[in-house]
Amino acid sequence: MFEGILQPTHLILILVIVLIVFGPGKLPEVGGSLGKSIREFKRGFSPDSDVEAKPAVTEPSSTPKASVCPTCGTENPEGNQFCGKCGAKLQ
């Protein structure tokens, strides 16, 4: 019924050996590391990998303007439509 290299019994045997070697506490960390490695490997073969992407340089902006809530007097970042403390509409 199941022919080939990786039969269900083979997979179970491999899983048991991996659990014995790494232990159940270390297994999630090993899986995460393996996933990251595979992702980086695939990214290395993508066509746009030849060009190094430069990180966007953002200049530190001056202190953001704060709008004051007319109801409670709390300062809120500019762009907020409502007060973070009392929920009143900012002007």
PDB file of N, CA and C in Angstrom:
ATOM      1  N   MET A   1       0.823  -1.182   0.000  1.00  0.00           N
ATOM      2  CA  MET A   1       0.000   0.000   0.000  1.00  0.00           C
ATOM      3  C   MET A   1       0.873   1.254   0.000  1.00  0.00           C
ATOM      4  N   PHE A   2       1.740   1.407   1.006  1.00  0.00           N
ATOM      5  CA  PHE A   2       2.632   2.560   1.071  1.00  0.00           C
ATOM      6  C   PHE A   2       3.997   2.152   0.552  1.00  0.00           C
ATOM      7  N   GLU A   3       4.337   2.652  -0.599  1.00  0.00           N
ATOM      8  CA  GLU A   3       5.640   2.333  -1.163  1.00  0.00           C
ATOM      9  C   GLU A   3       6.467   3.599  -1.229  1.00  0.00           C
ATOM     10  N   GLY A   4       7.755   3.425  -1.176  1.00  0.00           N
ATOM     11  CA  GLY A   4       8.630   4.576  -1.260  1.00  0.00           C
ATOM     12  C   GLY A   4       9.572   4.633  -0.082  1.00  0.00           C
ATOM     13  N   ILE A   5      10.305   5.723  -0.035  1.00  0.00           N
ATOM     14  CA  ILE A   5      11.335   5.856   0.987  1.00  0.00           C
ATOM     15  C   ILE A   5      10.728   6.198   2.345  1.00  0.00           C
ATOM     16  N   LEU A   6       9.827   7.177   2.389  1.00  0.00           N
ATOM     17  CA  LEU A   6       9.281   7.641   3.666  1.00  0.00           C
ATOM     18  C   LEU A   6       7.905   7.046   3.920  1.00  0.00           C
ATOM     19  N   GLN A   7       7.888   5.871   4.477  1.00  0.00           N
ATOM     20  CA  GLN A   7       6.638   5.245   4.854  1.00  0.00           C
ATOM     21  C   GLN A   7       6.244   5.755   6.230  1.00  0.00           C
ATOM     22  N   PRO A   8       4.977   5.635   6.621  1.00  0.00           N
ATOM     23  CA  PRO A   8       4.538   6.138   7.929  1.00  0.00           C
ATOM     24  C   PRO A   8       5.348   5.587   9.102  1.00  0.00           C
ATOM     25  N   THR A   9       5.714   4.324   9.053  1.00  0.00           N
ATOM     26  CA  THR A   9       6.509   3.766  10.150  1.00  0.00           C
ATOM     27  C   THR A   9       7.903   4.394  10.196  1.00  0.00           C
ATOM     28  N   HIS A  10       8.463   4.698   9.025  1.00  0.00           N
ATOM     29  CA  HIS A  10       9.766   5.363   8.987  1.00  0.00           C
ATOM     30  C   HIS A  10       9.678   6.761   9.602  1.00  0.00           C
ATOM     31  N   LEU A  11       8.621   7.489   9.264  1.00  0.00           N
ATOM     32  CA  LEU A  11       8.448   8.836   9.806  1.00  0.00           C
ATOM     33  C   LEU A  11       8.294   8.810  11.325  1.00  0.00           C
ATOM     34  N   ILE A  12       7.550   7.840  11.833  1.00  0.00           N
ATOM     35  CA  ILE A  12       7.373   7.723  13.285  1.00  0.00           C
ATOM     36  C   ILE A  12       8.701   7.392  13.951  1.00  0.00           C
ATOM     37  N   LEU A  13       9.474   6.500  13.351  1.00  0.00           N
ATOM     38  CA  LEU A  13      10.780   6.145  13.895  1.00  0.00           C
ATOM     39  C   LEU A  13      11.722   7.350  13.907  1.00  0.00           C
ATOM     40  N   ILE A  14      11.715   8.144  12.845  1.00  0.00           N
ATOM     41  CA  ILE A  14      12.543   9.355  12.786  1.00  0.00           C
ATOM     42  C   ILE A  14      12.106  10.343  13.863  1.00  0.00           C
ATOM     43  N   LEU A  15      10.806  10.522  14.051  1.00  0.00           N
ATOM     44  CA  LEU A  15      10.297  11.432  15.071  1.00  0.00           C
ATOM     45  C   LEU A  15      10.715  10.993  16.472  1.00  0.00           C
ATOM     46  N   VAL A  16      10.664   9.696  16.756  1.00  0.00           N
ATOM     47  CA  VAL A  16      11.080   9.186  18.068  1.00  0.00           C
ATOM     48  C   VAL A  16      12.564   9.440  18.292  1.00  0.00           C
ATOM     49  N   ILE A  17      13.382   9.221  17.276  1.00  0.00           N
ATOM     50  CA  ILE A  17      14.822   9.454  17.409  1.00  0.00           C
ATOM     51  C   ILE A  17      15.105  10.934  17.646  1.00  0.00           C
ATOM     52  N   VAL A  18      14.405  11.808  16.929  1.00  0.00           N
ATOM     53  CA  VAL A  18      14.589  13.254  17.111  1.00  0.00           C
ATOM     54  C   VAL A  18      14.185  13.667  18.522  1.00  0.00           C
ATOM     55  N   LEU A  19      13.094  13.112  19.044  1.00  0.00           N
ATOM     56  CA  LEU A  19      12.669  13.425  20.410  1.00  0.00           C
ATOM     57  C   LEU A  19      13.692  12.955  21.444  1.00  0.00           C
ATOM     58  N   ILE A  20      14.299  11.810  21.193  1.00  0.00           N
ATOM     59  CA  ILE A  20      15.307  11.299  22.129  1.00  0.00           C
ATOM     60  C   ILE A  20      16.548  12.183  22.094  1.00  0.00           C
ATOM     61  N   VAL A  21      16.969  12.592  20.906  1.00  0.00           N
ATOM     62  CA  VAL A  21      18.204  13.375  20.779  1.00  0.00           C
ATOM     63  C   VAL A  21      18.021  14.781  21.333  1.00  0.00           C
ATOM     64  N   PHE A  22      16.970  15.477  20.924  1.00  0.00           N
ATOM     65  CA  PHE A  22      16.804  16.884  21.292  1.00  0.00           C
ATOM     66  C   PHE A  22      15.961  17.093  22.543  1.00  0.00           C
ATOM     67  N   GLY A  23      15.079  16.195  22.844  1.00  0.00           N
ATOM     68  CA  GLY A  23      14.211  16.360  24.002  1.00  0.00           C
ATOM     69  C   GLY A  23      13.017  17.224  23.651  1.00  0.00           C
ATOM     70  N   PRO A  24      11.900  17.045  24.347  1.00  0.00           N
ATOM     71  CA  PRO A  24      10.678  17.781  24.010  1.00  0.00           C
ATOM     72  C   PRO A  24      10.774  19.281  24.292  1.00  0.00           C
ATOM     73  N   GLY A  25      11.624  19.705  25.215  1.00  0.00           N
ATOM     74  CA  GLY A  25      11.738  21.131  25.529  1.00  0.00           C
ATOM     75  C   GLY A  25      12.497  21.909  24.475  1.00  0.00           C
ATOM     76  N   LYS A  26      13.435  21.275  23.812  1.00  0.00           N
ATOM     77  CA  LYS A  26      14.288  21.940  22.833  1.00  0.00           C
ATOM     78  C   LYS A  26      13.712  21.853  21.425  1.00  0.00           C
ATOM     79  N   LEU A  27      12.725  20.988  21.206  1.00  0.00           N
ATOM     80  CA  LEU A  27      12.190  20.737  19.866  1.00  0.00           C
ATOM     81  C   LEU A  27      11.585  21.972  19.197  1.00  0.00           C
ATOM     82  N   PRO A  28      10.788  22.824  19.883  1.00  0.00           N
ATOM     83  CA  PRO A  28      10.257  24.019  19.216  1.00  0.00           C
ATOM     84  C   PRO A  28      11.359  24.969  18.751  1.00  0.00           C
ATOM     85  N   GLU A  29      12.413  25.100  19.542  1.00  0.00           N
ATOM     86  CA  GLU A  29      13.527  25.973  19.163  1.00  0.00           C
ATOM     87  C   GLU A  29      14.242  25.435  17.918  1.00  0.00           C
ATOM     88  N   VAL A  30      14.429  24.125  17.855  1.00  0.00           N
ATOM     89  CA  VAL A  30      15.082  23.502  16.698  1.00  0.00           C
ATOM     90  C   VAL A  30      14.211  23.680  15.464  1.00  0.00           C
ATOM     91  N   GLY A  31      12.901  23.514  15.610  1.00  0.00           N
ATOM     92  CA  GLY A  31      11.987  23.697  14.480  1.00  0.00           C
ATOM     93  C   GLY A  31      11.990  25.123  13.977  1.00  0.00           C
ATOM     94  N   GLY A  32      12.011  26.095  14.900  1.00  0.00           N
ATOM     95  CA  GLY A  32      12.056  27.500  14.493  1.00  0.00           C
ATOM     96  C   GLY A  32      13.343  27.840  13.766  1.00  0.00           C
ATOM     97  N   SER A  33      14.455  27.320  14.264  1.00  0.00           N
ATOM     98  CA  SER A  33      15.743  27.560  13.612  1.00  0.00           C
ATOM     99  C   SER A  33      15.777  26.941  12.222  1.00  0.00           C
ATOM    100  N   LEU A  34      15.212  25.760  12.096  1.00  0.00           N
ATOM    101  CA  LEU A  34      15.163  25.094  10.794  1.00  0.00           C
ATOM    102  C   LEU A  34      14.304  25.887   9.813  1.00  0.00           C
ATOM    103  N   GLY A  35      13.173  26.401  10.284  1.00  0.00           N
ATOM    104  CA  GLY A  35      12.303  27.216   9.426  1.00  0.00           C
ATOM    105  C   GLY A  35      12.993  28.482   8.957  1.00  0.00           C
ATOM    106  N   LYS A  36      13.705  29.161   9.873  1.00  0.00           N
ATOM    107  CA  LYS A  36      14.434  30.377   9.492  1.00  0.00           C
ATOM    108  C   LYS A  36      15.529  30.058   8.475  1.00  0.00           C
ATOM    109  N   SER A  37      16.205  28.944   8.663  1.00  0.00           N
ATOM    110  CA  SER A  37      17.268  28.555   7.740  1.00  0.00           C
ATOM    111  C   SER A  37      16.712  28.296   6.342  1.00  0.00           C
ATOM    112  N   ILE A  38      15.602  27.603   6.277  1.00  0.00           N
ATOM    113  CA  ILE A  38      14.989  27.316   4.976  1.00  0.00           C
ATOM    114  C   ILE A  38      14.537  28.607   4.305  1.00  0.00           C
ATOM    115  N   ARG A  39      13.954  29.531   5.087  1.00  0.00           N
ATOM    116  CA  ARG A  39      13.516  30.818   4.537  1.00  0.00           C
ATOM    117  C   ARG A  39      14.685  31.607   3.958  1.00  0.00           C
ATOM    118  N   GLU A  40      15.796  31.664   4.692  1.00  0.00           N
ATOM    119  CA  GLU A  40      16.983  32.376   4.216  1.00  0.00           C
ATOM    120  C   GLU A  40      17.548  31.701   2.974  1.00  0.00           C
ATOM    121  N   PHE A  41      17.528  30.378   2.940  1.00  0.00           N
ATOM    122  CA  PHE A  41      18.024  29.644   1.786  1.00  0.00           C
ATOM    123  C   PHE A  41      17.199  29.974   0.551  1.00  0.00           C
ATOM    124  N   LYS A  42      15.869  29.990   0.700  1.00  0.00           N
ATOM    125  CA  LYS A  42      15.000  30.336  -0.432  1.00  0.00           C
ATOM    126  C   LYS A  42      15.209  31.777  -0.866  1.00  0.00           C
ATOM    127  N   ARG A  43      15.385  32.675   0.094  1.00  0.00           N
ATOM    128  CA  ARG A  43      15.600  34.082  -0.216  1.00  0.00           C
ATOM    129  C   ARG A  43      16.906  34.271  -0.992  1.00  0.00           C
ATOM    130  N   GLY A  44      17.893  33.433  -0.720  1.00  0.00           N
ATOM    131  CA  GLY A  44      19.169  33.515  -1.411  1.00  0.00           C
ATOM    132  C   GLY A  44      19.063  33.163  -2.884  1.00  0.00           C
ATOM    133  N   PHE A  45      18.093  32.355  -3.249  1.00  0.00           N
ATOM    134  CA  PHE A  45      17.919  31.959  -4.634  1.00  0.00           C
ATOM    135  C   PHE A  45      16.896  32.795  -5.384  1.00  0.00           C
ATOM    136  N   SER A  46      16.247  33.732  -4.727  1.00  0.00           N
ATOM    137  CA  SER A  46      15.266  34.569  -5.421  1.00  0.00           C
ATOM    138  C   SER A  46      15.995  35.521  -6.364  1.00  0.00           C
ATOM    139  N   PRO A  47      15.362  35.919  -7.477  1.00  0.00           N
ATOM    140  CA  PRO A  47      16.043  36.756  -8.480  1.00  0.00           C
ATOM    141  C   PRO A  47      16.451  38.129  -7.964  1.00  0.00           C
ATOM    142  N   ASP A  48      15.747  38.675  -7.007  1.00  0.00           N
ATOM    143  CA  ASP A  48      16.093  40.011  -6.529  1.00  0.00           C
ATOM    144  C   ASP A  48      17.113  39.966  -5.392  1.00  0.00           C
ATOM    145  N   SER A  49      17.676  38.792  -5.091  1.00  0.00           N
ATOM    146  CA  SER A  49      18.621  38.687  -3.988  1.00  0.00           C
ATOM    147  C   SER A  49      20.003  39.229  -4.357  1.00  0.00           C
ATOM    148  N   ASP A  50      20.275  39.401  -5.666  1.00  0.00           N
ATOM    149  CA  ASP A  50      21.582  39.906  -6.081  1.00  0.00           C
ATOM    150  C   ASP A  50      21.791  41.345  -5.646  1.00  0.00           C
ATOM    151  N   VAL A  51      20.720  42.104  -5.595  1.00  0.00           N
ATOM    152  CA  VAL A  51      20.814  43.507  -5.215  1.00  0.00           C
ATOM    153  C   VAL A  51      20.557  43.609  -3.720  1.00  0.00           C
ATOM    154  N   GLU A  52      21.521  44.145  -3.009  1.00  0.00           N
ATOM    155  CA  GLU A  52      21.353  44.326  -1.573  1.00  0.00           C
ATOM    156  C   GLU A  52      20.364  45.446  -1.324  1.00  0.00           C
ATOM    157  N   ALA A  53      19.364  45.165  -0.549  1.00  0.00           N
ATOM    158  CA  ALA A  53      18.375  46.188  -0.214  1.00  0.00           C
ATOM    159  C   ALA A  53      18.933  47.047   0.905  1.00  0.00           C
ATOM    160  N   LYS A  54      18.988  48.342   0.660  1.00  0.00           N
ATOM    161  CA  LYS A  54      19.464  49.248   1.689  1.00  0.00           C
ATOM    162  C   LYS A  54      18.303  49.593   2.611  1.00  0.00           C
ATOM    163  N   PRO A  55      18.530  49.548   3.902  1.00  0.00           N
ATOM    164  CA  PRO A  55      17.451  49.923   4.811  1.00  0.00           C
ATOM    165  C   PRO A  55      17.152  51.410   4.674  1.00  0.00           C
ATOM    166  N   ALA A  56      15.894  51.726   4.757  1.00  0.00           N
ATOM    167  CA  ALA A  56      15.479  53.116   4.637  1.00  0.00           C
ATOM    168  C   ALA A  56      15.992  53.902   5.833  1.00  0.00           C
ATOM    169  N   VAL A  57      16.687  54.990   5.539  1.00  0.00           N
ATOM    170  CA  VAL A  57      17.219  55.831   6.598  1.00  0.00           C
ATOM    171  C   VAL A  57      16.204  56.916   6.889  1.00  0.00           C
ATOM    172  N   THR A  58      15.743  56.937   8.099  1.00  0.00           N
ATOM    173  CA  THR A  58      14.784  57.968   8.477  1.00  0.00           C
ATOM    174  C   THR A  58      15.483  58.942   9.402  1.00  0.00           C
ATOM    175  N   GLU A  59      15.311  60.176   9.095  1.00  0.00           N
ATOM    176  CA  GLU A  59      15.899  61.196   9.943  1.00  0.00           C
ATOM    177  C   GLU A  59      15.027  61.382  11.173  1.00  0.00           C
ATOM    178  N   PRO A  60      15.650  61.529  12.309  1.00  0.00           N
ATOM    179  CA  PRO A  60      14.834  61.728  13.507  1.00  0.00           C
ATOM    180  C   PRO A  60      14.043  63.026  13.384  1.00  0.00           C
ATOM    181  N   SER A  61      12.766  62.880  13.516  1.00  0.00           N
ATOM    182  CA  SER A  61      11.908  64.057  13.403  1.00  0.00           C
ATOM    183  C   SER A  61      11.890  64.798  14.733  1.00  0.00           C
ATOM    184  N   SER A  62      11.507  66.031  14.647  1.00  0.00           N
ATOM    185  CA  SER A  62      11.391  66.793  15.879  1.00  0.00           C
ATOM    186  C   SER A  62      10.227  66.225  16.684  1.00  0.00           C
ATOM    187  N   THR A  63      10.111  66.647  17.884  1.00  0.00           N
ATOM    188  CA  THR A  63       9.065  66.123  18.746  1.00  0.00           C
ATOM    189  C   THR A  63       7.709  66.240  18.058  1.00  0.00           C
ATOM    190  N   PRO A  64       6.966  65.146  18.031  1.00  0.00           N
ATOM    191  CA  PRO A  64       5.664  65.213  17.390  1.00  0.00           C
ATOM    192  C   PRO A  64       4.737  66.167  18.143  1.00  0.00           C
ATOM    193  N   LYS A  65       3.948  66.869  17.367  1.00  0.00           N
ATOM    194  CA  LYS A  65       3.008  67.811  17.977  1.00  0.00           C
ATOM    195  C   LYS A  65       1.933  67.020  18.708  1.00  0.00           C
ATOM    196  N   ALA A  66       1.549  67.516  19.828  1.00  0.00           N
ATOM    197  CA  ALA A  66       0.517  66.862  20.615  1.00  0.00           C
ATOM    198  C   ALA A  66      -0.707  67.765  20.669  1.00  0.00           C
ATOM    199  N   SER A  67      -1.862  67.138  20.535  1.00  0.00           N
ATOM    200  CA  SER A  67      -3.092  67.902  20.680  1.00  0.00           C
ATOM    201  C   SER A  67      -3.647  67.617  22.073  1.00  0.00           C
ATOM    202  N   VAL A  68      -4.154  68.641  22.698  1.00  0.00           N
ATOM    203  CA  VAL A  68      -4.652  68.538  24.064  1.00  0.00           C
ATOM    204  C   VAL A  68      -6.154  68.297  24.029  1.00  0.00           C
ATOM    205  N   CYS A  69      -6.606  67.348  24.825  1.00  0.00           N
ATOM    206  CA  CYS A  69      -8.019  67.012  24.905  1.00  0.00           C
ATOM    207  C   CYS A  69      -8.760  68.153  25.603  1.00  0.00           C
ATOM    208  N   PRO A  70      -9.848  68.651  25.010  1.00  0.00           N
ATOM    209  CA  PRO A  70     -10.587  69.730  25.645  1.00  0.00           C
ATOM    210  C   PRO A  70     -11.335  69.268  26.902  1.00  0.00           C
ATOM    211  N   THR A  71     -11.604  67.996  27.028  1.00  0.00           N
ATOM    212  CA  THR A  71     -12.366  67.502  28.167  1.00  0.00           C
ATOM    213  C   THR A  71     -11.495  67.220  29.385  1.00  0.00           C
ATOM    214  N   CYS A  72     -10.418  66.421  29.198  1.00  0.00           N
ATOM    215  CA  CYS A  72      -9.616  66.012  30.350  1.00  0.00           C
ATOM    216  C   CYS A  72      -8.234  66.655  30.384  1.00  0.00           C
ATOM    217  N   GLY A  73      -7.816  67.320  29.299  1.00  0.00           N
ATOM    218  CA  GLY A  73      -6.542  68.013  29.273  1.00  0.00           C
ATOM    219  C   GLY A  73      -5.343  67.113  28.997  1.00  0.00           C
ATOM    220  N   THR A  74      -5.564  65.869  28.599  1.00  0.00           N
ATOM    221  CA  THR A  74      -4.484  64.936  28.304  1.00  0.00           C
ATOM    222  C   THR A  74      -3.891  65.249  26.931  1.00  0.00           C
ATOM    223  N   GLU A  75      -2.548  65.185  26.822  1.00  0.00           N
ATOM    224  CA  GLU A  75      -1.902  65.386  25.531  1.00  0.00           C
ATOM    225  C   GLU A  75      -1.974  64.088  24.739  1.00  0.00           C
ATOM    226  N   ASN A  76      -2.362  64.197  23.467  1.00  0.00           N
ATOM    227  CA  ASN A  76      -2.481  63.056  22.577  1.00  0.00           C
ATOM    228  C   ASN A  76      -1.639  63.317  21.336  1.00  0.00           C
ATOM    229  N   PRO A  77      -1.036  62.284  20.741  1.00  0.00           N
ATOM    230  CA  PRO A  77      -0.241  62.479  19.529  1.00  0.00           C
ATOM    231  C   PRO A  77      -1.082  63.066  18.412  1.00  0.00           C
ATOM    232  N   GLU A  78      -0.415  63.863  17.567  1.00  0.00           N
ATOM    233  CA  GLU A  78      -1.122  64.467  16.443  1.00  0.00           C
ATOM    234  C   GLU A  78      -1.577  63.348  15.515  1.00  0.00           C
ATOM    235  N   GLY A  79      -2.740  63.444  14.989  1.00  0.00           N
ATOM    236  CA  GLY A  79      -3.297  62.423  14.120  1.00  0.00           C
ATOM    237  C   GLY A  79      -4.375  61.614  14.817  1.00  0.00           C
ATOM    238  N   ASN A  80      -4.380  61.614  16.140  1.00  0.00           N
ATOM    239  CA  ASN A  80      -5.450  60.935  16.856  1.00  0.00           C
ATOM    240  C   ASN A  80      -6.717  61.758  16.725  1.00  0.00           C
ATOM    241  N   GLN A  81      -7.808  61.077  16.455  1.00  0.00           N
ATOM    242  CA  GLN A  81      -9.084  61.769  16.352  1.00  0.00           C
ATOM    243  C   GLN A  81      -9.807  61.795  17.687  1.00  0.00           C
ATOM    244  N   PHE A  82      -9.457  60.837  18.548  1.00  0.00           N
ATOM    245  CA  PHE A  82     -10.120  60.749  19.838  1.00  0.00           C
ATOM    246  C   PHE A  82      -9.077  60.672  20.942  1.00  0.00           C
ATOM    247  N   CYS A  83      -9.432  61.144  22.125  1.00  0.00           N
ATOM    248  CA  CYS A  83      -8.540  61.143  23.275  1.00  0.00           C
ATOM    249  C   CYS A  83      -8.308  59.708  23.739  1.00  0.00           C
ATOM    250  N   GLY A  84      -7.053  59.384  24.050  1.00  0.00           N
ATOM    251  CA  GLY A  84      -6.717  58.049  24.519  1.00  0.00           C
ATOM    252  C   GLY A  84      -7.184  57.800  25.925  1.00  0.00           C
ATOM    253  N   LYS A  85      -7.442  58.829  26.710  1.00  0.00           N
ATOM    254  CA  LYS A  85      -7.831  58.650  28.105  1.00  0.00           C
ATOM    255  C   LYS A  85      -9.361  58.623  28.268  1.00  0.00           C
ATOM    256  N   CYS A  86     -10.017  59.673  27.751  1.00  0.00           N
ATOM    257  CA  CYS A  86     -11.461  59.759  27.993  1.00  0.00           C
ATOM    258  C   CYS A  86     -12.295  59.448  26.754  1.00  0.00           C
ATOM    259  N   GLY A  87     -11.699  59.423  25.577  1.00  0.00           N
ATOM    260  CA  GLY A  87     -12.443  59.073  24.363  1.00  0.00           C
ATOM    261  C   GLY A  87     -13.157  60.237  23.712  1.00  0.00           C
ATOM    262  N   ALA A  88     -12.917  61.479  24.208  1.00  0.00           N
ATOM    263  CA  ALA A  88     -13.574  62.643  23.611  1.00  0.00           C
ATOM    264  C   ALA A  88     -12.956  62.943  22.248  1.00  0.00           C
ATOM    265  N   LYS A  89     -13.744  63.521  21.375  1.00  0.00           N
ATOM    266  CA  LYS A  89     -13.263  63.881  20.032  1.00  0.00           C
ATOM    267  C   LYS A  89     -12.305  65.063  20.146  1.00  0.00           C
ATOM    268  N   LEU A  90     -11.135  64.905  19.507  1.00  0.00           N
ATOM    269  CA  LEU A  90     -10.148  65.978  19.489  1.00  0.00           C
ATOM    270  C   LEU A  90     -10.415  66.907  18.324  1.00  0.00           C
ATOM    271  N   GLN A  91     -10.021  68.168  18.470  1.00  0.00           N
ATOM    272  CA  GLN A  91     -10.287  69.140  17.400  1.00  0.00           C
ATOM    273  C   GLN A  91      -9.177  69.191  16.410  1.00  0.00           C
TER     274      GLN A  91
END
